[in-house]
Protein backbone atom coordinates (compact mmCIF):
# COMPACT_ATOMS: atom_id res chain seq x y z
CA MET A 1 -71.38 -5.44 8.69
CA THR A 2 -69.72 -6.45 11.96
CA THR A 3 -67.65 -3.85 13.71
CA GLU A 4 -63.93 -4.63 13.52
CA VAL A 5 -61.31 -3.24 15.85
CA PRO A 6 -59.00 -1.09 13.70
CA LEU A 7 -55.32 -1.99 13.62
CA PRO A 8 -53.08 0.25 15.73
CA PRO A 9 -51.04 2.67 13.65
CA THR A 10 -47.54 1.45 12.96
CA SER A 11 -44.45 2.95 11.36
CA ALA A 12 -42.98 1.72 8.10
CA SER A 13 -39.46 2.63 9.26
CA PRO A 14 -37.33 -0.32 10.44
CA THR A 15 -36.80 -0.63 14.16
CA ALA A 16 -33.39 -0.42 15.84
CA ARG A 17 -33.40 -4.19 16.31
CA GLN A 18 -34.05 -4.76 12.61
CA VAL A 19 -31.29 -2.34 11.61
CA TRP A 20 -28.83 -4.07 13.95
CA THR A 21 -29.83 -7.52 12.66
CA ARG A 22 -29.16 -6.48 9.07
CA ALA A 23 -25.96 -4.53 9.73
CA ARG A 24 -24.27 -6.59 12.43
CA GLY A 25 -22.32 -8.67 9.92
CA VAL A 26 -20.82 -5.60 8.27
CA VAL A 27 -20.12 -3.96 11.63
CA LEU A 28 -18.40 -7.11 12.90
CA ALA A 29 -16.23 -7.33 9.76
CA LEU A 30 -15.22 -3.66 10.07
CA ALA A 31 -14.42 -4.14 13.75
CA LEU A 32 -12.21 -7.14 12.98
CA LEU A 33 -10.39 -5.18 10.27
CA ALA A 34 -9.83 -2.27 12.67
CA VAL A 35 -8.47 -4.58 15.38
CA ALA A 36 -6.19 -6.32 12.87
CA ALA A 37 -4.89 -2.96 11.62
CA VAL A 38 -4.13 -1.81 15.16
CA VAL A 39 -2.34 -5.06 16.00
CA ILE A 40 -0.25 -4.92 12.83
CA ALA A 41 0.60 -1.27 13.46
CA VAL A 42 1.69 -2.03 17.04
CA VAL A 43 3.76 -5.02 15.98
CA ARG A 44 5.46 -3.20 13.12
CA SER A 45 5.90 0.10 14.93
CA ASP A 46 8.77 -1.39 16.92
CA ALA A 47 10.28 -3.24 13.97
CA ARG A 48 12.44 -0.47 12.48
CA HIS A 49 11.96 2.40 14.88
CA GLY A 50 14.95 4.76 14.79
CA GLU A 51 16.96 2.63 12.35
CA LEU A 52 20.58 3.81 12.11
CA ASP A 53 19.82 6.72 14.43
CA PRO A 54 22.68 7.33 16.93
CA ARG A 55 20.09 8.66 19.40
CA SER A 56 18.03 5.45 19.37
CA ALA A 57 18.56 2.61 21.86
CA ASP A 58 16.34 0.23 19.90
CA ARG A 59 17.80 -2.92 18.38
CA TYR A 60 18.10 -1.25 14.98
CA GLY A 61 19.39 2.03 16.37
CA SER A 62 23.07 3.06 16.67
CA ARG A 63 23.29 4.65 20.08
CA ALA A 64 25.81 2.09 21.32
CA VAL A 65 28.45 2.97 18.72
CA ALA A 66 27.89 6.69 19.40
CA GLU A 67 28.50 6.13 23.11
CA LEU A 68 31.69 4.18 22.44
CA LEU A 69 32.92 6.93 20.13
CA ALA A 70 32.17 9.54 22.80
CA ASP A 71 34.34 7.60 25.27
CA ARG A 72 37.18 7.95 22.77
CA GLY A 73 36.72 11.71 22.40
CA VAL A 74 34.70 11.68 19.15
CA ASP A 75 31.62 13.89 19.28
CA THR A 76 28.61 12.86 17.20
CA ARG A 77 26.17 15.36 15.72
CA VAL A 78 22.98 14.36 13.89
CA VAL A 79 21.85 16.42 10.88
CA THR A 80 18.79 15.93 8.66
CA THR A 81 19.25 18.53 5.90
CA LEU A 82 21.57 18.70 2.92
CA GLU A 83 22.81 22.17 3.87
CA GLU A 84 23.96 21.00 7.29
CA ALA A 85 25.63 17.91 5.85
CA SER A 86 27.46 19.89 3.13
CA ALA A 87 28.64 22.49 5.63
CA ALA A 88 30.06 19.74 7.88
CA ALA A 89 32.49 18.45 5.24
CA LYS A 90 35.89 19.34 6.78
CA PRO A 91 39.29 17.67 7.14
CA ASP A 92 38.68 16.83 10.82
CA THR A 93 35.19 15.44 10.25
CA THR A 94 33.74 12.09 9.28
CA LEU A 95 30.46 12.42 7.40
CA LEU A 96 28.21 9.33 7.59
CA VAL A 97 25.31 9.22 5.12
CA ALA A 98 22.63 6.72 6.12
CA VAL A 99 20.80 5.18 3.16
CA PRO A 100 21.99 7.65 0.48
CA ASP A 101 19.49 6.17 -2.00
CA LEU A 102 16.83 8.30 -0.28
CA LEU A 103 18.49 11.42 -1.69
CA THR A 104 17.39 12.82 -5.02
CA HIS A 105 19.87 12.97 -7.89
CA ARG A 106 20.24 16.70 -7.40
CA GLN A 107 20.93 16.25 -3.67
CA GLN A 108 23.51 13.54 -4.38
CA SER A 109 25.38 15.77 -6.83
CA ARG A 110 25.42 18.69 -4.40
CA LEU A 111 26.57 16.50 -1.53
CA HIS A 112 29.43 15.01 -3.57
CA SER A 113 30.66 18.42 -4.66
CA GLY A 114 30.74 19.43 -0.98
CA PHE A 115 32.84 16.56 0.37
CA ALA A 116 34.90 15.50 -2.67
CA ASP A 117 37.88 17.74 -1.84
CA SER A 118 37.17 18.42 1.83
CA GLY A 119 39.98 16.22 3.15
CA GLY A 120 37.64 14.36 5.52
CA ARG A 121 36.15 10.89 5.42
CA THR A 122 32.74 10.09 3.98
CA VAL A 123 31.00 6.83 4.90
CA LEU A 124 28.13 5.75 2.65
CA VAL A 125 25.91 3.08 4.23
CA SER A 126 24.01 0.76 1.85
CA ALA A 127 24.57 2.96 -1.19
CA GLY A 128 22.81 1.33 -4.14
CA SER A 129 23.05 1.79 -7.87
CA THR A 130 20.90 4.94 -7.73
CA SER A 131 23.47 6.81 -5.63
CA VAL A 132 26.98 5.41 -6.23
CA ASP A 133 27.20 6.94 -9.69
CA ARG A 134 27.10 10.44 -8.17
CA LEU A 135 28.48 9.94 -4.67
CA ALA A 136 31.29 7.57 -5.65
CA PRO A 137 32.09 7.93 -9.36
CA GLY A 138 33.82 4.90 -10.80
CA VAL A 139 32.05 2.46 -8.46
CA ILE A 140 29.41 -0.04 -9.54
CA ALA A 141 26.90 -1.52 -7.08
CA ASP A 142 26.03 -5.11 -7.93
CA PRO A 143 22.25 -5.72 -7.89
CA ALA A 144 22.69 -9.12 -6.19
CA THR A 145 23.11 -8.83 -2.42
CA SER A 146 24.37 -11.17 0.27
CA PHE A 147 22.39 -11.49 3.49
CA GLY A 148 23.49 -12.28 7.01
CA SER A 149 27.11 -12.94 6.06
CA THR A 150 30.03 -13.01 8.49
CA LEU A 151 32.99 -12.36 6.22
CA ASP A 152 36.75 -12.16 6.55
CA PRO A 153 38.58 -8.97 5.50
CA VAL A 154 40.94 -10.47 2.84
CA CYS A 155 42.53 -7.05 2.25
CA ASP A 156 45.35 -4.82 3.53
CA LEU A 157 43.18 -2.05 5.02
CA PRO A 158 44.52 -1.66 8.60
CA ALA A 159 41.07 -1.12 10.12
CA ALA A 160 39.76 -4.33 8.54
CA VAL A 161 42.85 -6.35 9.44
CA ARG A 162 42.62 -5.33 13.11
CA ALA A 163 38.85 -5.96 13.25
CA GLY A 164 38.97 -9.38 11.65
CA SER A 165 35.72 -11.08 10.61
CA ALA A 166 32.61 -8.89 10.72
CA ASP A 167 28.95 -8.91 9.73
CA THR A 168 29.24 -6.90 6.55
CA GLY A 169 27.41 -8.52 3.64
CA GLY A 170 24.62 -6.58 1.95
CA LEU A 171 25.43 -4.70 -1.22
CA ARG A 172 28.60 -5.55 -3.14
CA TYR A 173 30.83 -3.20 -5.09
CA THR A 174 33.35 -3.20 -7.91
CA THR A 175 35.55 -0.28 -8.91
CA ALA A 176 38.08 0.80 -11.50
CA HIS A 177 40.19 2.68 -8.93
CA LEU A 178 43.54 0.92 -8.75
CA ASP A 179 44.36 2.23 -5.26
CA ALA A 180 41.03 1.24 -3.69
CA ASP A 181 40.83 -1.15 -0.76
CA GLU A 182 38.35 -3.94 -1.49
CA CYS A 183 37.52 -5.78 1.74
CA TYR A 184 35.20 -8.48 3.01
CA PRO A 185 34.50 -10.04 -0.38
CA SER A 186 31.33 -12.02 -1.00
CA GLU A 187 31.59 -14.12 -4.15
CA ARG A 188 34.68 -12.09 -5.16
CA LEU A 189 32.92 -8.72 -4.83
CA ALA A 190 33.74 -6.34 -1.96
CA THR A 191 31.13 -5.46 0.67
CA LEU A 192 33.42 -2.78 2.14
CA LEU A 193 35.22 -0.45 -0.25
CA ARG A 194 37.58 2.42 0.56
CA ILE A 195 38.49 4.91 -2.17
CA PRO A 196 41.19 7.52 -1.43
CA ALA A 197 40.47 11.02 -2.66
CA ALA A 198 42.58 12.36 -5.52
CA THR A 199 43.57 15.42 -3.47
CA GLY A 200 43.26 16.59 0.12
CA GLY A 201 43.98 13.31 1.92
CA GLY A 202 40.35 12.36 2.40
CA ASP A 203 38.61 9.15 1.42
CA THR A 204 35.20 7.59 0.80
CA VAL A 205 34.11 4.34 2.46
CA LEU A 206 31.20 2.33 1.10
CA LEU A 207 29.63 -0.09 3.57
CA GLY A 208 27.30 -2.63 1.95
CA ALA A 209 25.16 -3.22 5.06
CA PRO A 210 24.50 -1.31 8.30
CA ASP A 211 24.83 -4.39 10.55
CA VAL A 212 28.17 -3.39 12.12
CA LEU A 213 26.57 -0.13 13.33
CA LEU A 214 23.41 -1.57 14.90
CA ASN A 215 22.95 -1.94 18.64
CA ASP A 216 22.05 -5.64 18.58
CA ARG A 217 24.98 -6.62 16.34
CA LEU A 218 27.74 -4.40 17.69
CA ASP A 219 29.06 -6.96 20.21
CA GLU A 220 29.41 -9.77 17.66
CA HIS A 221 32.66 -10.76 15.93
CA GLY A 222 34.74 -7.70 15.01
CA ASN A 223 31.79 -5.39 14.38
CA ALA A 224 32.56 -2.93 17.18
CA SER A 225 36.24 -2.67 16.23
CA LEU A 226 35.43 -2.09 12.57
CA ALA A 227 32.75 0.52 13.34
CA LEU A 228 34.96 2.46 15.75
CA GLN A 229 37.89 2.53 13.34
CA LEU A 230 35.79 3.60 10.36
CA LEU A 231 33.95 6.36 12.25
CA GLY A 232 36.61 7.36 14.78
CA SER A 233 39.47 8.39 12.50
CA ARG A 234 38.50 12.08 12.95
CA PRO A 235 37.54 13.94 16.12
CA HIS A 236 34.13 14.94 14.75
CA LEU A 237 31.39 12.70 13.34
CA VAL A 238 28.41 14.16 11.49
CA TRP A 239 25.61 11.61 11.13
CA TYR A 240 23.38 12.54 8.18
CA LEU A 241 19.88 11.02 8.26
CA PRO A 242 18.18 12.02 4.96
CA SER A 243 14.65 13.29 5.43
CA LEU A 244 11.82 13.59 2.93
CA ALA A 245 10.90 16.87 4.63
CA ASP A 246 14.19 18.43 3.52
CA ALA A 247 13.44 21.50 1.37
CA SER A 248 16.37 20.64 -0.91
CA ALA A 249 14.47 17.57 -2.10
CA ALA A 250 12.20 19.81 -4.20
CA SER A 251 12.92 19.75 -7.92
CA GLU A 252 14.62 22.64 -9.64
CA GLU A 253 11.34 23.55 -11.31
CA GLY A 254 9.66 23.85 -7.91
CA ARG A 255 6.96 21.70 -6.44
CA ARG A 256 5.59 19.08 -8.76
CA SER A 257 1.93 18.32 -9.20
CA PHE A 258 0.27 14.98 -8.52
CA PHE A 259 0.45 14.00 -12.19
CA ASP A 260 4.19 14.71 -12.27
CA LEU A 261 4.66 12.06 -9.57
CA LEU A 262 2.88 9.39 -11.61
CA PRO A 263 5.08 7.12 -13.74
CA SER A 264 5.27 7.70 -17.46
CA GLY A 265 2.64 5.93 -19.52
CA TRP A 266 -0.09 6.19 -16.88
CA LEU A 267 -2.47 7.85 -19.36
CA TRP A 268 -2.06 5.06 -21.89
CA GLY A 269 -2.46 2.44 -19.17
CA THR A 270 -5.67 4.10 -17.91
CA ALA A 271 -7.09 4.18 -21.45
CA GLN A 272 -6.36 0.47 -21.81
CA LEU A 273 -8.22 -0.24 -18.57
CA PHE A 274 -11.27 1.66 -19.81
CA VAL A 275 -11.22 -0.27 -23.11
CA ALA A 276 -10.91 -3.57 -21.22
CA ALA A 277 -13.82 -2.62 -18.94
CA ALA A 278 -15.98 -1.71 -21.95
CA LEU A 279 -15.19 -5.03 -23.66
CA ALA A 280 -15.97 -6.94 -20.47
CA ALA A 281 -19.31 -5.14 -20.11
CA LEU A 282 -20.12 -5.88 -23.76
CA TRP A 283 -19.23 -9.54 -23.27
CA ARG A 284 -21.38 -9.82 -20.15
CA ALA A 285 -24.36 -8.09 -21.77
CA ARG A 286 -25.97 -11.22 -23.15
CA ARG A 287 -29.19 -9.46 -24.25
CA LEU A 288 -28.51 -6.66 -26.69
CA GLY A 289 -32.17 -6.07 -27.65
CA PRO A 290 -35.64 -6.11 -26.11
CA LEU A 291 -36.65 -9.04 -23.95
CA VAL A 292 -38.11 -11.99 -25.85
CA PRO A 293 -41.00 -13.82 -24.15
CA GLU A 294 -40.42 -17.53 -23.73
CA ARG A 295 -42.85 -20.29 -23.04
CA LEU A 296 -42.21 -22.00 -19.73
CA PRO A 297 -41.25 -25.66 -20.04
CA VAL A 298 -43.59 -26.57 -17.17
CA ALA A 299 -46.82 -25.14 -15.78
CA ILE A 300 -46.50 -23.54 -12.36
CA ARG A 301 -49.56 -23.32 -10.17
CA ALA A 302 -50.56 -19.87 -9.00
CA SER A 303 -50.56 -21.02 -5.38
CA GLU A 304 -46.90 -21.96 -5.63
CA THR A 305 -46.04 -18.53 -7.01
CA VAL A 306 -47.94 -16.85 -4.21
CA GLU A 307 -46.25 -18.99 -1.57
CA GLY A 308 -42.82 -18.30 -3.07
CA ARG A 309 -43.37 -14.55 -3.08
CA ALA A 310 -44.70 -14.71 0.47
CA ARG A 311 -41.56 -16.49 1.64
CA LEU A 312 -39.41 -13.80 0.00
CA TYR A 313 -41.42 -11.07 1.73
CA ARG A 314 -41.06 -12.84 5.06
CA LYS A 315 -37.31 -13.37 4.64
CA ALA A 316 -36.84 -9.67 3.91
CA ASN A 317 -39.25 -8.56 6.69
CA ALA A 318 -41.13 -6.68 3.95
CA ARG A 319 -44.50 -6.53 5.72
CA ASP A 320 -45.18 -3.13 4.23
CA ARG A 321 -44.84 -4.47 0.67
CA ALA A 322 -46.94 -7.54 1.46
CA ALA A 323 -49.69 -5.42 3.01
CA THR A 324 -49.64 -3.05 0.02
CA ALA A 325 -50.03 -5.97 -2.39
CA LEU A 326 -52.94 -7.45 -0.40
CA ARG A 327 -54.79 -4.13 -0.15
CA SER A 328 -54.19 -3.22 -3.80
CA THR A 329 -55.53 -6.57 -5.04
CA THR A 330 -58.55 -6.36 -2.72
CA ARG A 331 -59.41 -2.83 -3.89
CA THR A 332 -59.13 -3.93 -7.52
CA ARG A 333 -61.63 -6.77 -6.95
CA LEU A 334 -64.02 -4.69 -4.83
CA ALA A 335 -64.26 -1.73 -7.23
CA PRO A 336 -66.43 -3.44 -9.90
CA LEU A 337 -68.69 -4.88 -7.17
CA ALA A 338 -69.24 -1.38 -5.75
CA GLY A 339 -69.87 0.16 -9.18
CA VAL A 340 -66.52 2.01 -9.29
CA PRO A 341 -64.21 1.91 -12.36
CA VAL A 342 -61.03 -0.11 -11.80
CA SER A 343 -58.96 2.96 -12.70
CA ARG A 344 -60.46 4.69 -9.61
CA ALA A 345 -60.17 1.71 -7.29
CA HIS A 346 -57.15 3.13 -5.48
CA THR A 347 -58.71 6.55 -4.81
CA PRO A 348 -60.23 6.66 -1.31
CA GLU A 349 -62.62 9.54 -2.19
CA THR A 350 -64.24 7.36 -4.89
CA LEU A 351 -64.10 3.82 -3.53
CA LEU A 352 -64.93 4.29 0.16
CA PRO A 353 -68.31 6.13 -0.23
CA SER A 354 -69.59 3.42 -2.58
CA LEU A 355 -68.54 0.64 -0.21
CA SER A 356 -69.98 2.42 2.85
CA THR A 357 -73.32 2.82 1.08
CA ARG A 358 -73.37 -0.86 0.10
CA LEU A 359 -72.33 -2.18 3.53
CA HIS A 360 -73.82 0.53 5.76
CA GLY A 361 -70.55 0.44 7.72
CA ASP A 362 -68.09 2.83 9.31
CA GLY A 363 -66.18 4.78 6.67
CA GLN A 364 -63.16 5.31 8.95
CA ALA A 365 -62.88 1.59 9.63
CA LEU A 366 -62.94 0.88 5.91
CA HIS A 367 -60.28 3.53 5.32
CA ASP A 368 -57.98 2.01 7.95
CA LEU A 369 -58.53 -1.44 6.48
CA LEU A 370 -58.00 -0.60 2.80
CA PHE A 371 -55.64 2.41 3.00
CA GLY A 372 -54.18 2.22 6.51
CA PRO A 373 -50.56 1.98 7.65
CA PRO A 374 -48.55 -1.22 7.28
CA PRO A 375 -48.74 -3.82 10.08
CA GLY A 376 -46.05 -3.85 12.70
CA ASP A 377 -45.51 -7.63 12.97
CA ASP A 378 -46.40 -10.92 11.30
CA ALA A 379 -49.48 -11.46 13.50
CA ALA A 380 -50.89 -8.07 12.46
CA LEU A 381 -50.23 -8.94 8.80
CA THR A 382 -52.12 -12.23 9.19
CA THR A 383 -55.01 -10.38 10.84
CA LEU A 384 -55.05 -7.84 8.01
CA ALA A 385 -55.26 -10.61 5.38
CA ALA A 386 -58.15 -12.25 7.23
CA ARG A 387 -60.06 -8.96 7.55
CA LEU A 388 -59.60 -8.16 3.84
CA ASP A 389 -60.89 -11.60 2.93
CA ALA A 390 -63.89 -11.13 5.23
CA LEU A 391 -64.60 -7.73 3.71
CA GLU A 392 -64.61 -9.16 0.18
CA ARG A 393 -66.98 -11.96 1.20
CA GLU A 394 -69.27 -9.39 2.81
CA VAL A 395 -69.37 -7.29 -0.39
CA ARG A 396 -70.06 -10.33 -2.58
CA ARG A 397 -72.91 -11.49 -0.37
CA PRO A 398 -76.31 -10.87 -2.08
């Protein structure tokens, strides 16, 4: 037997280049998603930053109206808790509640009991149907809203008459109070509503939209005049910005669990999803029993099958699997020729001594050829196939 140069040992683990080639598509997609998320976050971070906050100079902030009120001797104080807002309800104070729908029902009831008979003014900005029932009993918020409307006052409220047309719009209100002032109607429903208190001389003003208070809209039409008159009737203005971090937002029973926050019927809905998934799996399971052998409609040559499998191995860079298949098949064919049972063909301690005796060759070289590590590249795989074929011809030679 001719002496062959043994193949250099190689590793079956994929190289860094192979890992990058396989994973670069996923990495690129994740990178694009991350960049898109950052861009969206940057674009939207400035969209509503500090909305209705008298300390914010952004376009949706309300610092401009606070500065104008300060020039007229009205001091503005920002509060974020229900306790501070309730304590501020006094005859010489205007309490502005920004987005009262953020308050819980319990918070709304407590806040109303605090300012109902205080004698001061309460301004509710964009109060929807979830809050008017408790903060302004007798008022109904219409679900249909008007957007971007410059409306005329069409009422006798002095502040509205002096201000003239303004960008009110937004939510619309109806009320059963006979002495209420219904101003700036949109489709016959008021977007600004003033309800005098039964006792104490105070009142409640519902403003359907915050536009007249925003920095970028204050200098349009009569917005500034209307805002200053509504918020400057008392020497003190308390600006209440509801916060989800307010401890008073906790329920009376204490902190609720995760399942308490889920809507009712979630358990039944989840059960329906499981049933639907089971039915879909049953529908897709086309074979419900053992596999049934079928006769092929055409005869496929063995060479075509081998070539097809080889192409799959090459596409997947599976040189280790290809080398294992070549060596296993060669050992199976060589075992009977060397007088070794086929069941022991893959045991080096049994097969190699018999082959070495028959060929008078180097046992280590045979071991590297039949049981060695996988080749490192396609050229080494081709060399391995040629050497295995030469070995089999050598064994079959008489």
